[in-house]
Each structure stands twice: as structure tokens, then as C-alpha cells.
Amino acid sequence: MDFKTATTYFSTIVENVDSDWQLHMYGLYKQALYGDNQAQEPFWLNKKKHAKWKAWMVRKGWTSEKAKKTYIRDVERLKSRV
């Protein structure tokens, strides 16, 4: 499976995946496509925005290739659960 196929597949199952997995996959996706998060940390009371920022920030320093491989691996894991 390649990255594009994995992202397409994930978009079909995202509603069946818990929010922790959704944030995890969001962080991997953003790191794979855009590299390190350069955005300023959002105010913590904006929980959704802060959670997304944090999910991406924990991947800081990862290469695009590593993020893509991890994304693909994790989609494969989710395939067997959904």
C-alpha cells in the first residue's frame, strides 16, 4: 500500500476510529506532507485546535518518509480492527 492509497482508505473509516487514533493519524499526515509544525501553540482552552497542534508537534524532526511509512503501517493495523 502506498501513502495515497492509505490516506484514501483512512478517509473511508475515519468515523469508525476513536478520537485518539484520529489525532494520531492527523499528526502523521501533517508531518508527512508539510514537515515540522511551525505554527504557534494555540490557546489551551481551544481544545480541538490544541489537540491537533500537539498531535502534529510530537512528530517534530521526523522525515516525511518516516511519517508516511508509519501512517501506512498504522492504516494496515486499523484495517484489521474496523
Protein backbone atom coordinates (compact mmCIF):
# COMPACT_ATOMS: atom_id res chain seq x y z
CA MET A 1 0.00 0.00 0.00
CA ASP A 2 1.30 3.47 -0.82
CA PHE A 3 0.65 6.70 1.11
CA LYS A 4 -2.08 7.98 -1.21
CA THR A 5 -3.96 4.68 -1.02
CA ALA A 6 -3.60 4.68 2.77
CA THR A 7 -4.97 8.23 3.10
CA THR A 8 -7.89 7.41 0.82
CA TYR A 9 -8.69 4.27 2.79
CA PHE A 10 -8.41 6.06 6.14
CA SER A 11 -10.86 8.71 4.97
CA THR A 12 -13.44 5.93 4.48
CA ILE A 13 -13.06 4.56 8.02
CA VAL A 14 -12.26 7.72 10.00
CA GLU A 15 -15.72 7.88 11.56
CA ASN A 16 -15.27 4.35 12.93
CA VAL A 17 -11.96 5.20 14.61
CA ASP A 18 -11.73 6.71 18.08
CA SER A 19 -10.56 10.28 18.53
CA ASP A 20 -7.11 9.29 19.85
CA TRP A 21 -6.40 7.38 16.64
CA GLN A 22 -7.81 10.22 14.56
CA LEU A 23 -5.42 12.69 16.20
CA HIS A 24 -2.51 10.26 15.85
CA MET A 25 -3.18 9.85 12.13
CA TYR A 26 -3.69 13.61 11.69
CA GLY A 27 -0.24 14.28 13.16
CA LEU A 28 1.38 11.72 10.89
CA TYR A 29 -0.42 13.08 7.84
CA LYS A 30 0.60 16.67 8.51
CA GLN A 31 4.22 15.68 9.19
CA ALA A 32 4.33 13.57 6.03
CA LEU A 33 3.05 16.40 3.82
CA TYR A 34 4.33 19.58 5.49
CA GLY A 35 7.23 18.66 7.75
CA ASP A 36 7.67 20.19 11.19
CA ASN A 37 4.82 22.18 12.68
CA GLN A 38 5.79 25.86 12.55
CA ALA A 39 2.51 27.18 13.96
CA GLN A 40 2.38 28.92 17.28
CA GLU A 41 0.80 26.86 20.06
CA PRO A 42 -2.91 27.66 20.23
CA PHE A 43 -4.56 28.70 23.47
CA TRP A 44 -5.19 25.56 25.53
CA LEU A 45 -8.87 26.35 26.04
CA ASN A 46 -9.39 25.79 22.33
CA LYS A 47 -9.18 22.06 22.98
CA LYS A 48 -9.70 20.77 19.44
CA LYS A 49 -7.17 23.12 17.87
CA HIS A 50 -4.67 22.47 20.66
CA ALA A 51 -5.07 18.69 20.36
CA LYS A 52 -4.40 18.83 16.61
CA TRP A 53 -1.40 21.10 17.12
CA LYS A 54 0.02 18.74 19.74
CA ALA A 55 -0.61 15.63 17.61
CA TRP A 56 1.48 17.18 14.85
CA MET A 57 4.12 18.67 17.16
CA VAL A 58 5.05 15.29 18.69
CA ARG A 59 6.34 14.27 15.24
CA LYS A 60 8.81 17.18 15.13
CA GLY A 61 12.05 16.13 13.47
CA TRP A 62 10.54 13.15 11.65
CA THR A 63 11.26 12.92 7.95
CA SER A 64 8.40 12.85 5.50
CA GLU A 65 9.36 9.30 4.60
CA LYS A 66 9.24 8.10 8.21
CA ALA A 67 5.85 9.73 8.76
CA LYS A 68 4.47 8.18 5.56
CA LYS A 69 5.75 4.71 6.44
CA THR A 70 4.28 4.97 9.93
CA TYR A 71 0.97 6.22 8.53
CA ILE A 72 0.79 3.28 6.10
CA ARG A 73 1.72 0.79 8.85
CA ASP A 74 -0.95 2.18 11.16
CA VAL A 75 -3.64 2.13 8.48
CA GLU A 76 -2.79 -1.54 7.93
CA ARG A 77 -3.24 -2.14 11.67
CA LEU A 78 -6.57 -0.32 11.67
CA LYS A 79 -7.79 -2.33 8.67
CA SER A 80 -7.87 -5.46 10.80
CA ARG A 81 -9.82 -3.73 13.60
CA VAL A 82 -12.51 -1.93 11.61
